[in-house]
């Protein structure tokens, strides 16, 4: 499970790096290669894939690992956007509560699917 969480963190940070690179695409496509984020993506992307593949091989058929990656990746990407990229969640308190509820439902659904998958229990 720690490998899967680390892979999800790598994927979430990579999403934030790619988002920050999008601002430089407006200037010139070649401008992207002068930014440190491009090289961080080139390292973190493959490292995340390596971590996820090791996480899949560490457990029985990888369903819990997939659940951990599926939940961790968007959570980290949201945090990176809010903290590092200075983005905000729009819509007021009601919209924020609705989004939080939707996030909880997604997390619960992924965990339930991972635990109840027939191939994880052996049949």
N, C-alpha and C. Protein backbone atom coordinates (compact mmCIF):
# COMPACT_ATOMS: atom_id res chain seq x y z
N UNK A 1 0.80 -1.20 0.00
CA UNK A 1 0.00 0.00 0.00
C UNK A 1 0.85 1.28 0.00
N UNK A 2 1.97 1.32 0.73
CA UNK A 2 2.79 2.54 0.68
C UNK A 2 3.32 2.85 -0.73
N UNK A 3 3.63 1.81 -1.50
CA UNK A 3 4.08 2.04 -2.87
C UNK A 3 2.97 2.67 -3.71
N UNK A 4 1.75 2.22 -3.50
CA UNK A 4 0.61 2.76 -4.25
C UNK A 4 0.36 4.21 -3.87
N UNK A 5 0.46 4.52 -2.60
CA UNK A 5 0.26 5.91 -2.16
C UNK A 5 1.37 6.80 -2.73
N UNK A 6 2.60 6.29 -2.73
CA UNK A 6 3.71 7.06 -3.31
C UNK A 6 3.50 7.28 -4.81
N UNK A 7 2.97 6.28 -5.50
CA UNK A 7 2.68 6.43 -6.93
C UNK A 7 1.59 7.48 -7.15
N UNK A 8 0.55 7.45 -6.31
CA UNK A 8 -0.50 8.45 -6.41
C UNK A 8 0.02 9.85 -6.17
N UNK A 9 0.93 9.98 -5.22
CA UNK A 9 1.55 11.28 -4.95
C UNK A 9 2.36 11.74 -6.17
N UNK A 10 3.13 10.84 -6.76
CA UNK A 10 3.90 11.19 -7.96
C UNK A 10 2.97 11.64 -9.08
N UNK A 11 1.88 10.91 -9.28
CA UNK A 11 0.94 11.27 -10.35
C UNK A 11 0.29 12.62 -10.07
N UNK A 12 -0.08 12.89 -8.83
CA UNK A 12 -0.71 14.17 -8.49
C UNK A 12 0.24 15.34 -8.66
N UNK A 13 1.49 15.18 -8.23
CA UNK A 13 2.49 16.24 -8.39
C UNK A 13 2.79 16.43 -9.88
N UNK A 14 2.86 15.34 -10.64
CA UNK A 14 3.09 15.45 -12.08
C UNK A 14 1.96 16.23 -12.74
N UNK A 15 0.73 16.01 -12.33
CA UNK A 15 -0.40 16.76 -12.88
C UNK A 15 -0.25 18.26 -12.60
N UNK A 16 0.20 18.59 -11.41
CA UNK A 16 0.43 20.00 -11.08
C UNK A 16 1.55 20.61 -11.90
N UNK A 17 2.61 19.84 -12.12
CA UNK A 17 3.72 20.33 -12.93
C UNK A 17 3.30 20.56 -14.38
N UNK A 18 2.51 19.63 -14.92
CA UNK A 18 2.03 19.79 -16.29
C UNK A 18 1.12 21.01 -16.39
N UNK A 19 0.29 21.21 -15.37
CA UNK A 19 -0.58 22.38 -15.36
C UNK A 19 0.22 23.68 -15.33
N UNK A 20 1.29 23.70 -14.56
CA UNK A 20 2.11 24.91 -14.51
C UNK A 20 2.86 25.14 -15.82
N UNK A 21 3.15 24.07 -16.55
CA UNK A 21 3.80 24.22 -17.85
C UNK A 21 2.85 24.77 -18.90
N UNK A 22 1.57 24.59 -18.72
CA UNK A 22 0.59 25.05 -19.71
C UNK A 22 0.66 26.56 -19.89
N UNK A 23 1.01 27.29 -18.86
CA UNK A 23 1.13 28.75 -18.98
C UNK A 23 2.23 29.14 -19.96
N UNK A 24 3.27 28.33 -20.06
CA UNK A 24 4.40 28.64 -20.94
C UNK A 24 4.12 28.25 -22.39
N UNK A 25 3.12 27.42 -22.63
CA UNK A 25 2.77 27.06 -23.99
C UNK A 25 2.21 28.24 -24.77
N UNK A 26 1.62 29.20 -24.07
CA UNK A 26 1.05 30.35 -24.74
C UNK A 26 2.16 31.22 -25.36
N UNK A 27 3.31 31.25 -24.73
CA UNK A 27 4.42 32.04 -25.24
C UNK A 27 5.02 31.39 -26.50
N UNK A 28 5.46 30.17 -26.35
CA UNK A 28 6.06 29.42 -27.46
C UNK A 28 6.16 27.96 -27.03
N UNK A 29 5.86 27.04 -27.93
CA UNK A 29 5.99 25.62 -27.56
C UNK A 29 7.40 25.24 -27.12
N UNK A 30 8.40 25.88 -27.70
CA UNK A 30 9.78 25.57 -27.32
C UNK A 30 10.15 26.15 -25.96
N UNK A 31 9.38 27.11 -25.49
CA UNK A 31 9.63 27.72 -24.18
C UNK A 31 9.49 26.69 -23.05
N UNK A 32 8.70 25.67 -23.30
CA UNK A 32 8.48 24.62 -22.29
C UNK A 32 9.79 23.96 -21.90
N UNK A 33 10.69 23.80 -22.85
CA UNK A 33 11.95 23.09 -22.58
C UNK A 33 12.95 23.92 -21.80
N UNK A 34 12.64 25.18 -21.56
CA UNK A 34 13.51 26.01 -20.74
C UNK A 34 13.04 26.07 -19.29
N UNK A 35 11.96 25.37 -18.98
CA UNK A 35 11.38 25.39 -17.64
C UNK A 35 11.79 24.12 -16.89
N UNK A 36 12.04 24.27 -15.60
CA UNK A 36 12.46 23.13 -14.79
C UNK A 36 11.34 22.11 -14.64
N UNK A 37 10.09 22.55 -14.75
CA UNK A 37 8.96 21.63 -14.57
C UNK A 37 8.95 20.52 -15.63
N UNK A 38 9.40 20.84 -16.84
CA UNK A 38 9.43 19.82 -17.91
C UNK A 38 10.36 18.68 -17.53
N UNK A 39 11.47 19.00 -16.93
CA UNK A 39 12.43 17.97 -16.55
C UNK A 39 11.99 17.22 -15.29
N UNK A 40 11.27 17.90 -14.41
CA UNK A 40 10.70 17.22 -13.25
C UNK A 40 9.63 16.23 -13.69
N UNK A 41 8.83 16.59 -14.70
CA UNK A 41 7.82 15.67 -15.25
C UNK A 41 8.52 14.46 -15.88
N UNK A 42 9.63 14.71 -16.57
CA UNK A 42 10.36 13.61 -17.21
C UNK A 42 10.93 12.63 -16.18
N UNK A 43 11.14 13.08 -14.96
CA UNK A 43 11.65 12.19 -13.91
C UNK A 43 10.49 11.59 -13.12
N UNK A 44 9.55 12.44 -12.67
CA UNK A 44 8.47 11.96 -11.81
C UNK A 44 7.49 11.03 -12.53
N UNK A 45 7.22 11.29 -13.80
CA UNK A 45 6.28 10.45 -14.54
C UNK A 45 6.70 8.98 -14.57
N UNK A 46 7.90 8.71 -15.11
CA UNK A 46 8.36 7.32 -15.12
C UNK A 46 8.56 6.74 -13.71
N UNK A 47 8.97 7.57 -12.76
CA UNK A 47 9.13 7.08 -11.39
C UNK A 47 7.78 6.66 -10.81
N UNK A 48 6.72 7.42 -11.11
CA UNK A 48 5.37 7.05 -10.67
C UNK A 48 4.92 5.73 -11.29
N UNK A 49 5.23 5.54 -12.56
CA UNK A 49 4.89 4.28 -13.23
C UNK A 49 5.64 3.12 -12.59
N UNK A 50 6.90 3.32 -12.29
CA UNK A 50 7.70 2.28 -11.63
C UNK A 50 7.11 1.93 -10.26
N UNK A 51 6.75 2.96 -9.50
CA UNK A 51 6.14 2.72 -8.19
C UNK A 51 4.81 1.97 -8.31
N UNK A 52 3.99 2.38 -9.27
CA UNK A 52 2.69 1.72 -9.40
C UNK A 52 2.85 0.27 -9.84
N UNK A 53 3.78 0.00 -10.73
CA UNK A 53 3.99 -1.39 -11.15
C UNK A 53 4.48 -2.25 -9.99
N UNK A 54 5.35 -1.70 -9.17
CA UNK A 54 5.81 -2.44 -7.99
C UNK A 54 4.67 -2.63 -6.99
N UNK A 55 3.79 -1.64 -6.88
CA UNK A 55 2.65 -1.77 -5.97
C UNK A 55 1.70 -2.86 -6.45
N UNK A 56 1.49 -2.95 -7.77
CA UNK A 56 0.61 -3.99 -8.31
C UNK A 56 1.19 -5.38 -8.07
N UNK A 57 2.49 -5.50 -8.12
CA UNK A 57 3.12 -6.80 -7.95
C UNK A 57 3.26 -7.20 -6.48
N UNK A 58 3.14 -6.23 -5.57
CA UNK A 58 3.35 -6.51 -4.15
C UNK A 58 2.16 -7.21 -3.51
N UNK A 59 0.97 -7.00 -4.04
CA UNK A 59 -0.22 -7.57 -3.41
C UNK A 59 -0.95 -8.51 -4.34
N UNK A 60 -2.10 -9.03 -3.86
CA UNK A 60 -2.88 -9.96 -4.66
C UNK A 60 -3.65 -9.23 -5.77
N UNK A 61 -3.16 -9.35 -6.99
CA UNK A 61 -3.80 -8.82 -8.20
C UNK A 61 -3.98 -7.32 -8.24
N UNK A 62 -3.45 -6.59 -7.31
CA UNK A 62 -3.35 -5.15 -7.42
C UNK A 62 -4.59 -4.32 -7.17
N UNK A 63 -5.73 -4.89 -6.81
CA UNK A 63 -6.94 -4.09 -6.61
C UNK A 63 -6.79 -3.07 -5.48
N UNK A 64 -6.26 -3.43 -4.31
CA UNK A 64 -6.06 -2.41 -3.29
C UNK A 64 -5.06 -1.33 -3.73
N UNK A 65 -4.05 -1.71 -4.47
CA UNK A 65 -3.08 -0.73 -4.96
C UNK A 65 -3.76 0.23 -5.93
N UNK A 66 -4.58 -0.29 -6.82
CA UNK A 66 -5.30 0.56 -7.76
C UNK A 66 -6.22 1.52 -7.02
N UNK A 67 -6.88 1.05 -5.98
CA UNK A 67 -7.76 1.92 -5.19
C UNK A 67 -6.96 3.04 -4.53
N UNK A 68 -5.81 2.71 -3.98
CA UNK A 68 -5.00 3.74 -3.31
C UNK A 68 -4.50 4.78 -4.31
N UNK A 69 -4.08 4.33 -5.49
CA UNK A 69 -3.61 5.27 -6.51
C UNK A 69 -4.77 6.13 -7.00
N UNK A 70 -5.91 5.52 -7.22
CA UNK A 70 -7.08 6.23 -7.74
C UNK A 70 -7.55 7.32 -6.79
N UNK A 71 -7.42 7.08 -5.50
CA UNK A 71 -7.86 8.07 -4.51
C UNK A 71 -6.77 9.12 -4.26
N UNK A 72 -5.52 8.69 -4.17
CA UNK A 72 -4.43 9.60 -3.82
C UNK A 72 -4.13 10.61 -4.93
N UNK A 73 -4.14 10.17 -6.17
CA UNK A 73 -3.77 11.03 -7.29
C UNK A 73 -4.60 12.32 -7.35
N UNK A 74 -5.93 12.26 -7.38
CA UNK A 74 -6.68 13.53 -7.45
C UNK A 74 -6.58 14.37 -6.19
N UNK A 75 -6.48 13.72 -5.03
CA UNK A 75 -6.34 14.49 -3.79
C UNK A 75 -5.06 15.31 -3.80
N UNK A 76 -3.96 14.70 -4.21
CA UNK A 76 -2.68 15.42 -4.27
C UNK A 76 -2.74 16.50 -5.35
N UNK A 77 -3.35 16.19 -6.49
CA UNK A 77 -3.45 17.18 -7.57
C UNK A 77 -4.26 18.40 -7.12
N UNK A 78 -5.33 18.16 -6.37
CA UNK A 78 -6.13 19.27 -5.84
C UNK A 78 -5.30 20.11 -4.87
N UNK A 79 -4.58 19.44 -3.97
CA UNK A 79 -3.75 20.17 -3.01
C UNK A 79 -2.64 20.96 -3.71
N UNK A 80 -2.02 20.37 -4.71
CA UNK A 80 -0.98 21.08 -5.45
C UNK A 80 -1.57 22.31 -6.13
N UNK A 81 -2.74 22.16 -6.71
CA UNK A 81 -3.39 23.30 -7.35
C UNK A 81 -3.74 24.40 -6.37
N UNK A 82 -4.25 24.02 -5.21
CA UNK A 82 -4.64 25.02 -4.22
C UNK A 82 -3.44 25.70 -3.56
N UNK A 83 -2.44 24.91 -3.20
CA UNK A 83 -1.31 25.45 -2.43
C UNK A 83 -0.24 26.06 -3.34
N UNK A 84 0.20 25.32 -4.35
CA UNK A 84 1.34 25.75 -5.14
C UNK A 84 0.94 26.64 -6.32
N UNK A 85 -0.15 26.27 -7.01
CA UNK A 85 -0.54 27.03 -8.20
C UNK A 85 -1.51 28.16 -7.89
N UNK A 86 -1.85 28.33 -6.62
CA UNK A 86 -2.70 29.42 -6.17
C UNK A 86 -4.07 29.43 -6.86
N UNK A 87 -4.61 28.24 -7.07
CA UNK A 87 -5.95 28.13 -7.63
C UNK A 87 -6.95 28.16 -6.49
N UNK A 88 -8.22 28.30 -6.82
CA UNK A 88 -9.25 28.32 -5.79
C UNK A 88 -10.45 27.50 -6.25
N UNK A 89 -11.21 27.06 -5.27
CA UNK A 89 -12.45 26.34 -5.55
C UNK A 89 -13.57 27.36 -5.58
N UNK A 90 -14.24 27.45 -6.69
CA UNK A 90 -15.28 28.47 -6.86
C UNK A 90 -16.64 27.93 -6.47
N UNK A 91 -17.55 28.86 -6.22
CA UNK A 91 -18.94 28.47 -6.04
C UNK A 91 -19.49 28.65 -4.64
N UNK A 92 -18.69 29.09 -3.71
CA UNK A 92 -19.20 29.33 -2.37
C UNK A 92 -19.22 28.08 -1.51
N UNK A 93 -19.86 28.24 -0.36
CA UNK A 93 -19.88 27.17 0.64
C UNK A 93 -20.67 25.96 0.16
N UNK A 94 -21.83 26.18 -0.45
CA UNK A 94 -22.64 25.06 -0.90
C UNK A 94 -21.93 24.22 -1.95
N UNK A 95 -21.28 24.89 -2.89
CA UNK A 95 -20.56 24.16 -3.93
C UNK A 95 -19.37 23.39 -3.33
N UNK A 96 -18.68 24.01 -2.38
CA UNK A 96 -17.55 23.33 -1.74
C UNK A 96 -18.03 22.10 -0.96
N UNK A 97 -19.16 22.22 -0.28
CA UNK A 97 -19.71 21.06 0.44
C UNK A 97 -20.13 19.96 -0.53
N UNK A 98 -20.73 20.35 -1.63
CA UNK A 98 -21.12 19.37 -2.65
C UNK A 98 -19.91 18.65 -3.23
N UNK A 99 -18.85 19.41 -3.48
CA UNK A 99 -17.63 18.80 -4.02
C UNK A 99 -16.97 17.88 -2.99
N UNK A 100 -16.99 18.30 -1.74
CA UNK A 100 -16.42 17.45 -0.68
C UNK A 100 -17.22 16.16 -0.54
N UNK A 101 -18.54 16.27 -0.61
CA UNK A 101 -19.40 15.08 -0.53
C UNK A 101 -19.13 14.15 -1.72
N UNK A 102 -19.01 14.72 -2.91
CA UNK A 102 -18.72 13.90 -4.09
C UNK A 102 -17.37 13.21 -3.95
N UNK A 103 -16.39 13.88 -3.40
CA UNK A 103 -15.07 13.29 -3.20
C UNK A 103 -15.14 12.12 -2.21
N UNK A 104 -15.90 12.30 -1.14
CA UNK A 104 -16.07 11.21 -0.17
C UNK A 104 -16.77 10.02 -0.82
N UNK A 105 -17.78 10.27 -1.64
CA UNK A 105 -18.49 9.17 -2.32
C UNK A 105 -17.55 8.43 -3.25
N UNK A 106 -16.73 9.16 -3.98
CA UNK A 106 -15.77 8.50 -4.89
C UNK A 106 -14.79 7.65 -4.10
N UNK A 107 -14.27 8.18 -3.01
CA UNK A 107 -13.32 7.42 -2.19
C UNK A 107 -13.97 6.15 -1.65
N UNK A 108 -15.17 6.28 -1.10
CA UNK A 108 -15.87 5.10 -0.57
C UNK A 108 -16.17 4.09 -1.67
N UNK A 109 -16.58 4.55 -2.83
CA UNK A 109 -16.89 3.63 -3.93
C UNK A 109 -15.64 2.87 -4.39
N UNK A 110 -14.52 3.56 -4.49
CA UNK A 110 -13.28 2.90 -4.92
C UNK A 110 -12.84 1.87 -3.89
N UNK A 111 -12.93 2.23 -2.62
CA UNK A 111 -12.54 1.30 -1.56
C UNK A 111 -13.47 0.09 -1.54
N UNK A 112 -14.77 0.32 -1.67
CA UNK A 112 -15.72 -0.80 -1.69
C UNK A 112 -15.48 -1.72 -2.88
N UNK A 113 -15.23 -1.15 -4.04
CA UNK A 113 -14.96 -1.99 -5.21
C UNK A 113 -13.67 -2.78 -5.04
N UNK A 114 -12.67 -2.17 -4.45
CA UNK A 114 -11.40 -2.88 -4.26
C UNK A 114 -11.55 -4.03 -3.28
N UNK A 115 -12.37 -3.84 -2.27
CA UNK A 115 -12.54 -4.90 -1.26
C UNK A 115 -13.48 -6.01 -1.72
N UNK A 116 -14.42 -5.68 -2.59
CA UNK A 116 -15.43 -6.67 -2.99
C UNK A 116 -15.16 -7.28 -4.35
N UNK A 117 -14.07 -6.94 -4.96
CA UNK A 117 -13.76 -7.52 -6.27
C UNK A 117 -13.58 -9.02 -6.12
N UNK A 118 -14.27 -9.82 -6.94
CA UNK A 118 -14.22 -11.28 -6.77
C UNK A 118 -12.83 -11.86 -6.96
N UNK A 119 -12.01 -11.29 -7.82
CA UNK A 119 -10.68 -11.86 -8.05
C UNK A 119 -9.72 -11.60 -6.89
N UNK A 120 -10.06 -10.63 -6.02
CA UNK A 120 -9.20 -10.36 -4.85
C UNK A 120 -9.43 -11.45 -3.81
N UNK A 121 -10.66 -11.91 -3.66
CA UNK A 121 -10.99 -12.91 -2.65
C UNK A 121 -10.76 -14.35 -3.16
N UNK A 122 -10.38 -14.46 -4.40
CA UNK A 122 -10.09 -15.79 -4.91
C UNK A 122 -11.25 -16.42 -5.62
N UNK A 123 -12.26 -15.68 -6.01
CA UNK A 123 -13.32 -16.32 -6.76
C UNK A 123 -14.60 -15.63 -6.63
